PDB file of N, CA and C in Angstrom:
ATOM      1  N   UNK A   1      67.672  74.583  51.414  1.00  0.00           N
ATOM      2  CA  UNK A   1      67.486  75.834  52.117  1.00  0.00           C
ATOM      3  C   UNK A   1      68.794  76.610  52.068  1.00  0.00           C
ATOM      4  N   UNK A   2      68.719  77.798  51.564  1.00  0.00           N
ATOM      5  CA  UNK A   2      69.907  78.630  51.462  1.00  0.00           C
ATOM      6  C   UNK A   2      69.717  79.873  52.317  1.00  0.00           C
ATOM      7  N   UNK A   3      70.653  80.085  53.244  1.00  0.00           N
ATOM      8  CA  UNK A   3      70.586  81.234  54.138  1.00  0.00           C
ATOM      9  C   UNK A   3      71.936  81.937  54.076  1.00  0.00           C
ATOM     10  N   UNK A   4      71.913  83.231  53.891  1.00  0.00           N
ATOM     11  CA  UNK A   4      73.148  84.005  53.871  1.00  0.00           C
ATOM     12  C   UNK A   4      73.387  84.565  55.268  1.00  0.00           C
ATOM     13  N   UNK A   5      74.545  84.303  55.819  1.00  0.00           N
ATOM     14  CA  UNK A   5      74.918  84.763  57.159  1.00  0.00           C
ATOM     15  C   UNK A   5      76.225  85.530  57.076  1.00  0.00           C
ATOM     16  N   UNK A   6      76.409  86.448  58.005  1.00  0.00           N
ATOM     17  CA  UNK A   6      77.678  87.157  58.126  1.00  0.00           C
ATOM     18  C   UNK A   6      78.420  86.632  59.341  1.00  0.00           C
ATOM     19  N   UNK A   7      79.752  86.507  59.259  1.00  0.00           N
ATOM     20  CA  UNK A   7      80.520  86.076  60.436  1.00  0.00           C
ATOM     21  C   UNK A   7      80.366  87.090  61.565  1.00  0.00           C
ATOM     22  N   UNK A   8      80.399  86.576  62.796  1.00  0.00           N
ATOM     23  CA  UNK A   8      80.332  87.442  63.967  1.00  0.00           C
ATOM     24  C   UNK A   8      81.647  87.350  64.730  1.00  0.00           C
ATOM     25  N   UNK A   9      81.956  88.368  65.476  1.00  0.00           N
ATOM     26  CA  UNK A   9      83.178  88.398  66.279  1.00  0.00           C
ATOM     27  C   UNK A   9      83.000  87.535  67.523  1.00  0.00           C
ATOM     28  N   UNK A  10      83.928  86.616  67.756  1.00  0.00           N
ATOM     29  CA  UNK A  10      83.958  85.788  68.959  1.00  0.00           C
ATOM     30  C   UNK A  10      85.390  85.857  69.488  1.00  0.00           C
ATOM     31  N   UNK A  11      85.610  86.740  70.455  1.00  0.00           N
ATOM     32  CA  UNK A  11      86.969  86.942  70.944  1.00  0.00           C
ATOM     33  C   UNK A  11      87.844  87.479  69.830  1.00  0.00           C
ATOM     34  N   UNK A  12      88.986  86.816  69.585  1.00  0.00           N
ATOM     35  CA  UNK A  12      89.872  87.214  68.495  1.00  0.00           C
ATOM     36  C   UNK A  12      89.560  86.476  67.202  1.00  0.00           C
ATOM     37  N   UNK A  13      88.483  85.705  67.200  1.00  0.00           N
ATOM     38  CA  UNK A  13      88.118  84.888  66.039  1.00  0.00           C
ATOM     39  C   UNK A  13      86.808  85.352  65.439  1.00  0.00           C
ATOM     40  N   UNK A  14      86.407  84.702  64.401  1.00  0.00           N
ATOM     41  CA  UNK A  14      85.103  84.929  63.770  1.00  0.00           C
ATOM     42  C   UNK A  14      84.324  83.625  63.849  1.00  0.00           C
ATOM     43  N   UNK A  15      83.004  83.730  63.882  1.00  0.00           N
ATOM     44  CA  UNK A  15      82.160  82.550  63.955  1.00  0.00           C
ATOM     45  C   UNK A  15      80.891  82.745  63.162  1.00  0.00           C
ATOM     46  N   UNK A  16      80.173  81.641  62.981  1.00  0.00           N
ATOM     47  CA  UNK A  16      78.902  81.653  62.264  1.00  0.00           C
ATOM     48  C   UNK A  16      77.872  80.964  63.133  1.00  0.00           C
ATOM     49  N   UNK A  17      76.703  81.561  63.264  1.00  0.00           N
ATOM     50  CA  UNK A  17      75.617  80.950  64.022  1.00  0.00           C
ATOM     51  C   UNK A  17      74.890  79.960  63.128  1.00  0.00           C
ATOM     52  N   UNK A  18      74.625  78.783  63.686  1.00  0.00           N
ATOM     53  CA  UNK A  18      73.861  77.762  62.971  1.00  0.00           C
ATOM     54  C   UNK A  18      72.475  77.728  63.608  1.00  0.00           C
ATOM     55  N   UNK A  19      71.424  77.922  62.824  1.00  0.00           N
ATOM     56  CA  UNK A  19      70.070  77.924  63.391  1.00  0.00           C
ATOM     57  C   UNK A  19      69.766  76.607  64.112  1.00  0.00           C
ATOM     58  N   UNK A  20      69.016  76.711  65.207  1.00  0.00           N
ATOM     59  CA  UNK A  20      68.678  75.540  66.021  1.00  0.00           C
ATOM     60  C   UNK A  20      67.964  74.470  65.210  1.00  0.00           C
ATOM     61  N   UNK A  21      67.133  74.873  64.260  1.00  0.00           N
ATOM     62  CA  UNK A  21      66.420  73.879  63.446  1.00  0.00           C
ATOM     63  C   UNK A  21      67.392  73.025  62.640  1.00  0.00           C
ATOM     64  N   UNK A  22      68.449  73.626  62.129  1.00  0.00           N
ATOM     65  CA  UNK A  22      69.450  72.853  61.384  1.00  0.00           C
ATOM     66  C   UNK A  22      70.262  71.961  62.313  1.00  0.00           C
ATOM     67  N   UNK A  23      70.567  72.457  63.501  1.00  0.00           N
ATOM     68  CA  UNK A  23      71.308  71.652  64.475  1.00  0.00           C
ATOM     69  C   UNK A  23      70.512  70.405  64.831  1.00  0.00           C
ATOM     70  N   UNK A  24      69.210  70.567  65.062  1.00  0.00           N
ATOM     71  CA  UNK A  24      68.360  69.416  65.382  1.00  0.00           C
ATOM     72  C   UNK A  24      68.202  68.496  64.173  1.00  0.00           C
ATOM     73  N   UNK A  25      67.920  69.075  63.016  1.00  0.00           N
ATOM     74  CA  UNK A  25      67.666  68.275  61.813  1.00  0.00           C
ATOM     75  C   UNK A  25      68.852  67.412  61.425  1.00  0.00           C
ATOM     76  N   UNK A  26      70.055  67.953  61.577  1.00  0.00           N
ATOM     77  CA  UNK A  26      71.255  67.227  61.163  1.00  0.00           C
ATOM     78  C   UNK A  26      72.018  66.620  62.337  1.00  0.00           C
ATOM     79  N   UNK A  27      71.397  66.650  63.520  1.00  0.00           N
ATOM     80  CA  UNK A  27      71.953  66.039  64.731  1.00  0.00           C
ATOM     81  C   UNK A  27      73.379  66.534  65.017  1.00  0.00           C
ATOM     82  N   UNK A  28      73.539  67.841  64.980  1.00  0.00           N
ATOM     83  CA  UNK A  28      74.840  68.455  65.228  1.00  0.00           C
ATOM     84  C   UNK A  28      75.047  68.792  66.694  1.00  0.00           C
ATOM     85  N   UNK A  29      74.019  68.584  67.535  1.00  0.00           N
ATOM     86  CA  UNK A  29      74.099  68.980  68.938  1.00  0.00           C
ATOM     87  C   UNK A  29      75.115  68.164  69.725  1.00  0.00           C
ATOM     88  N   UNK A  30      75.502  67.009  69.246  1.00  0.00           N
ATOM     89  CA  UNK A  30      76.490  66.176  69.947  1.00  0.00           C
ATOM     90  C   UNK A  30      77.906  66.422  69.424  1.00  0.00           C
ATOM     91  N   UNK A  31      78.042  67.330  68.487  1.00  0.00           N
ATOM     92  CA  UNK A  31      79.333  67.637  67.901  1.00  0.00           C
ATOM     93  C   UNK A  31      79.275  67.500  66.389  1.00  0.00           C
ATOM     94  N   UNK A  32      80.226  68.108  65.724  1.00  0.00           N
ATOM     95  CA  UNK A  32      80.248  68.025  64.270  1.00  0.00           C
ATOM     96  C   UNK A  32      81.669  68.143  63.752  1.00  0.00           C
ATOM     97  N   UNK A  33      81.828  67.747  62.502  1.00  0.00           N
ATOM     98  CA  UNK A  33      83.119  67.794  61.817  1.00  0.00           C
ATOM     99  C   UNK A  33      83.010  68.822  60.709  1.00  0.00           C
ATOM    100  N   UNK A  34      83.997  69.702  60.617  1.00  0.00           N
ATOM    101  CA  UNK A  34      84.062  70.653  59.513  1.00  0.00           C
ATOM    102  C   UNK A  34      85.194  70.215  58.606  1.00  0.00           C
ATOM    103  N   UNK A  35      84.894  70.104  57.323  1.00  0.00           N
ATOM    104  CA  UNK A  35      85.873  69.617  56.365  1.00  0.00           C
ATOM    105  C   UNK A  35      85.921  70.560  55.170  1.00  0.00           C
ATOM    106  N   UNK A  36      87.116  71.004  54.817  1.00  0.00           N
ATOM    107  CA  UNK A  36      87.280  71.862  53.649  1.00  0.00           C
ATOM    108  C   UNK A  36      87.151  71.010  52.394  1.00  0.00           C
ATOM    109  N   UNK A  37      86.302  71.453  51.466  1.00  0.00           N
ATOM    110  CA  UNK A  37      86.129  70.754  50.192  1.00  0.00           C
ATOM    111  C   UNK A  37      86.395  71.732  49.056  1.00  0.00           C
ATOM    112  N   UNK A  38      86.387  71.226  47.849  1.00  0.00           N
ATOM    113  CA  UNK A  38      86.596  72.073  46.676  1.00  0.00           C
ATOM    114  C   UNK A  38      85.495  73.128  46.556  1.00  0.00           C
ATOM    115  N   UNK A  39      84.275  72.768  46.979  1.00  0.00           N
ATOM    116  CA  UNK A  39      83.125  73.669  46.852  1.00  0.00           C
ATOM    117  C   UNK A  39      82.893  74.565  48.055  1.00  0.00           C
ATOM    118  N   UNK A  40      83.557  74.289  49.182  1.00  0.00           N
ATOM    119  CA  UNK A  40      83.338  75.083  50.383  1.00  0.00           C
ATOM    120  C   UNK A  40      83.612  74.263  51.619  1.00  0.00           C
ATOM    121  N   UNK A  41      82.877  74.539  52.680  1.00  0.00           N
ATOM    122  CA  UNK A  41      83.052  73.837  53.954  1.00  0.00           C
ATOM    123  C   UNK A  41      81.885  72.879  54.141  1.00  0.00           C
ATOM    124  N   UNK A  42      82.188  71.623  54.418  1.00  0.00           N
ATOM    125  CA  UNK A  42      81.173  70.607  54.690  1.00  0.00           C
ATOM    126  C   UNK A  42      81.093  70.416  56.194  1.00  0.00           C
ATOM    127  N   UNK A  43      79.895  70.552  56.747  1.00  0.00           N
ATOM    128  CA  UNK A  43      79.664  70.329  58.173  1.00  0.00           C
ATOM    129  C   UNK A  43      78.803  69.085  58.298  1.00  0.00           C
ATOM    130  N   UNK A  44      79.287  68.098  59.052  1.00  0.00           N
ATOM    131  CA  UNK A  44      78.534  66.855  59.227  1.00  0.00           C
ATOM    132  C   UNK A  44      78.599  66.413  60.679  1.00  0.00           C
ATOM    133  N   UNK A  45      77.587  65.655  61.132  1.00  0.00           N
ATOM    134  CA  UNK A  45      77.582  65.209  62.523  1.00  0.00           C
ATOM    135  C   UNK A  45      78.722  64.252  62.807  1.00  0.00           C
ATOM    136  N   UNK A  46      79.158  64.232  64.057  1.00  0.00           N
ATOM    137  CA  UNK A  46      80.183  63.288  64.482  1.00  0.00           C
ATOM    138  C   UNK A  46      79.574  61.896  64.408  1.00  0.00           C
ATOM    139  N   UNK A  47      80.271  60.972  63.790  1.00  0.00           N
ATOM    140  CA  UNK A  47      79.742  59.614  63.707  1.00  0.00           C
ATOM    141  C   UNK A  47      80.309  58.779  64.848  1.00  0.00           C
ATOM    142  N   UNK A  48      79.661  57.679  65.122  1.00  0.00           N
ATOM    143  CA  UNK A  48      80.146  56.768  66.147  1.00  0.00           C
ATOM    144  C   UNK A  48      79.624  57.056  67.538  1.00  0.00           C
ATOM    145  N   UNK A  49      78.867  58.129  67.715  1.00  0.00           N
ATOM    146  CA  UNK A  49      78.293  58.406  69.023  1.00  0.00           C
ATOM    147  C   UNK A  49      77.005  57.616  69.167  1.00  0.00           C
ATOM    148  N   UNK A  50      76.877  56.902  70.250  1.00  0.00           N
ATOM    149  CA  UNK A  50      75.677  56.110  70.474  1.00  0.00           C
ATOM    150  C   UNK A  50      74.637  56.947  71.214  1.00  0.00           C
ATOM    151  N   UNK A  51      73.391  56.732  70.837  1.00  0.00           N
ATOM    152  CA  UNK A  51      72.297  57.403  71.524  1.00  0.00           C
ATOM    153  C   UNK A  51      71.973  56.654  72.801  1.00  0.00           C
ATOM    154  N   UNK A  52      71.500  57.404  73.791  1.00  0.00           N
ATOM    155  CA  UNK A  52      70.995  56.748  74.990  1.00  0.00           C
ATOM    156  C   UNK A  52      69.684  56.063  74.629  1.00  0.00           C
ATOM    157  N   UNK A  53      69.186  55.191  75.502  1.00  0.00           N
ATOM    158  CA  UNK A  53      67.934  54.500  75.227  1.00  0.00           C
ATOM    159  C   UNK A  53      66.800  55.505  75.072  1.00  0.00           C
ATOM    160  N   UNK A  54      66.780  56.540  75.918  1.00  0.00           N
ATOM    161  CA  UNK A  54      65.733  57.550  75.832  1.00  0.00           C
ATOM    162  C   UNK A  54      65.815  58.300  74.499  1.00  0.00           C
ATOM    163  N   UNK A  55      67.056  58.639  74.064  1.00  0.00           N
ATOM    164  CA  UNK A  55      67.228  59.331  72.792  1.00  0.00           C
ATOM    165  C   UNK A  55      66.803  58.439  71.627  1.00  0.00           C
ATOM    166  N   UNK A  56      67.104  57.158  71.726  1.00  0.00           N
ATOM    167  CA  UNK A  56      66.702  56.217  70.678  1.00  0.00           C
ATOM    168  C   UNK A  56      65.186  56.145  70.581  1.00  0.00           C
ATOM    169  N   UNK A  57      64.504  56.047  71.728  1.00  0.00           N
ATOM    170  CA  UNK A  57      63.047  55.985  71.722  1.00  0.00           C
ATOM    171  C   UNK A  57      62.447  57.273  71.168  1.00  0.00           C
ATOM    172  N   UNK A  58      63.027  58.408  71.551  1.00  0.00           N
ATOM    173  CA  UNK A  58      62.521  59.690  71.048  1.00  0.00           C
ATOM    174  C   UNK A  58      62.699  59.768  69.534  1.00  0.00           C
ATOM    175  N   UNK A  59      63.840  59.297  69.022  1.00  0.00           N
ATOM    176  CA  UNK A  59      64.077  59.290  67.581  1.00  0.00           C
ATOM    177  C   UNK A  59      63.101  58.360  66.882  1.00  0.00           C
ATOM    178  N   UNK A  60      62.823  57.219  67.486  1.00  0.00           N
ATOM    179  CA  UNK A  60      61.855  56.285  66.917  1.00  0.00           C
ATOM    180  C   UNK A  60      60.466  56.908  66.886  1.00  0.00           C
ATOM    181  N   UNK A  61      60.116  57.639  67.926  1.00  0.00           N
ATOM    182  CA  UNK A  61      58.789  58.253  68.011  1.00  0.00           C
ATOM    183  C   UNK A  61      58.613  59.320  66.938  1.00  0.00           C
ATOM    184  N   UNK A  62      59.698  59.979  66.544  1.00  0.00           N
ATOM    185  CA  UNK A  62      59.622  61.002  65.504  1.00  0.00           C
ATOM    186  C   UNK A  62      59.469  60.375  64.128  1.00  0.00           C
ATOM    187  N   UNK A  63      59.970  59.152  63.977  1.00  0.00           N
ATOM    188  CA  UNK A  63      59.924  58.483  62.686  1.00  0.00           C
ATOM    189  C   UNK A  63      58.673  57.645  62.532  1.00  0.00           C
ATOM    190  N   UNK A  64      58.797  56.565  61.769  1.00  0.00           N
ATOM    191  CA  UNK A  64      57.665  55.685  61.506  1.00  0.00           C
ATOM    192  C   UNK A  64      57.355  54.779  62.690  1.00  0.00           C
ATOM    193  N   UNK A  65      58.333  54.548  63.534  1.00  0.00           N
ATOM    194  CA  UNK A  65      58.133  53.638  64.655  1.00  0.00           C
ATOM    195  C   UNK A  65      57.260  54.297  65.720  1.00  0.00           C
ATOM    196  N   UNK A  66      56.665  53.478  66.543  1.00  0.00           N
ATOM    197  CA  UNK A  66      55.758  53.953  67.572  1.00  0.00           C
ATOM    198  C   UNK A  66      56.436  53.877  68.933  1.00  0.00           C
ATOM    199  N   UNK A  67      56.358  54.938  69.707  1.00  0.00           N
ATOM    200  CA  UNK A  67      56.983  54.974  71.026  1.00  0.00           C
ATOM    201  C   UNK A  67      56.422  53.885  71.929  1.00  0.00           C
ATOM    202  N   UNK A  68      55.144  53.585  71.806  1.00  0.00           N
ATOM    203  CA  UNK A  68      54.553  52.553  72.656  1.00  0.00           C
ATOM    204  C   UNK A  68      55.188  51.196  72.381  1.00  0.00           C
ATOM    205  N   UNK A  69      55.549  50.927  71.131  1.00  0.00           N
ATOM    206  CA  UNK A  69      56.226  49.669  70.789  1.00  0.00           C
ATOM    207  C   UNK A  69      57.584  49.605  71.471  1.00  0.00           C
ATOM    208  N   UNK A  70      58.316  50.702  71.442  1.00  0.00           N
ATOM    209  CA  UNK A  70      59.634  50.736  72.077  1.00  0.00           C
ATOM    210  C   UNK A  70      59.512  50.532  73.576  1.00  0.00           C
ATOM    211  N   UNK A  71      58.508  51.148  74.190  1.00  0.00           N
ATOM    212  CA  UNK A  71      58.323  50.988  75.629  1.00  0.00           C
ATOM    213  C   UNK A  71      57.923  49.553  75.974  1.00  0.00           C
ATOM    214  N   UNK A  72      57.179  48.903  75.095  1.00  0.00           N
ATOM    215  CA  UNK A  72      56.829  47.495  75.308  1.00  0.00           C
ATOM    216  C   UNK A  72      58.093  46.634  75.320  1.00  0.00           C
ATOM    217  N   UNK A  73      59.059  46.962  74.468  1.00  0.00           N
ATOM    218  CA  UNK A  73      60.327  46.225  74.428  1.00  0.00           C
ATOM    219  C   UNK A  73      61.033  46.329  75.771  1.00  0.00           C
ATOM    220  N   UNK A  74      61.061  47.537  76.319  1.00  0.00           N
ATOM    221  CA  UNK A  74      61.726  47.744  77.603  1.00  0.00           C
ATOM    222  C   UNK A  74      61.012  46.944  78.692  1.00  0.00           C
ATOM    223  N   UNK A  75      59.690  47.033  78.711  1.00  0.00           N
ATOM    224  CA  UNK A  75      58.917  46.335  79.735  1.00  0.00           C
ATOM    225  C   UNK A  75      59.025  44.818  79.606  1.00  0.00           C
ATOM    226  N   UNK A  76      59.300  44.334  78.390  1.00  0.00           N
ATOM    227  CA  UNK A  76      59.400  42.893  78.175  1.00  0.00           C
ATOM    228  C   UNK A  76      60.731  42.336  78.657  1.00  0.00           C
ATOM    229  N   UNK A  77      61.671  43.231  78.985  1.00  0.00           N
ATOM    230  CA  UNK A  77      62.983  42.779  79.451  1.00  0.00           C
ATOM    231  C   UNK A  77      64.007  42.681  78.349  1.00  0.00           C
ATOM    232  N   UNK A  78      63.626  43.073  77.125  1.00  0.00           N
ATOM    233  CA  UNK A  78      64.538  42.998  75.991  1.00  0.00           C
ATOM    234  C   UNK A  78      65.810  43.789  76.240  1.00  0.00           C
ATOM    235  N   UNK A  79      65.700  44.876  77.003  1.00  0.00           N
ATOM    236  CA  UNK A  79      66.867  45.731  77.239  1.00  0.00           C
ATOM    237  C   UNK A  79      67.678  45.336  78.461  1.00  0.00           C
ATOM    238  N   UNK A  80      67.273  44.277  79.137  1.00  0.00           N
ATOM    239  CA  UNK A  80      67.996  43.873  80.350  1.00  0.00           C
ATOM    240  C   UNK A  80      69.466  43.625  80.048  1.00  0.00           C
ATOM    241  N   UNK A  81      70.315  44.239  80.853  1.00  0.00           N
ATOM    242  CA  UNK A  81      71.754  44.068  80.703  1.00  0.00           C
ATOM    243  C   UNK A  81      72.383  45.015  79.697  1.00  0.00           C
ATOM    244  N   UNK A  82      71.567  45.852  79.029  1.00  0.00           N
ATOM    245  CA  UNK A  82      72.106  46.772  78.024  1.00  0.00           C
ATOM    246  C   UNK A  82      72.378  48.148  78.586  1.00  0.00           C
ATOM    247  N   UNK A  83      71.970  48.412  79.822  1.00  0.00           N
ATOM    248  CA  UNK A  83      72.183  49.720  80.397  1.00  0.00           C
ATOM    249  C   UNK A  83      73.669  49.922  80.674  1.00  0.00           C
ATOM    250  N   UNK A  84      74.069  51.188  80.707  1.00  0.00           N
ATOM    251  CA  UNK A  84      75.491  51.495  80.984  1.00  0.00           C
ATOM    252  C   UNK A  84      75.901  51.076  82.358  1.00  0.00           C
TER     253      UNK A  84
END
């Protein structure tokens, strides 16, 4: 997907709006890293951030896994002692 955007004024700086669909798709809502490359700027999600149990279940429900299976794990006590 290629989208052409113009920088916008943000105080004394310039910025670029990232569409919400891209933020969700690439999991940028928890933060991201911008890296200068030979071809341009690479934006990637921050690694090492752990999802909460609810976020993990929601991610599983979006994928091939079934939310009911994840909830069965919780009810079975599999998650006991794993809470923050």
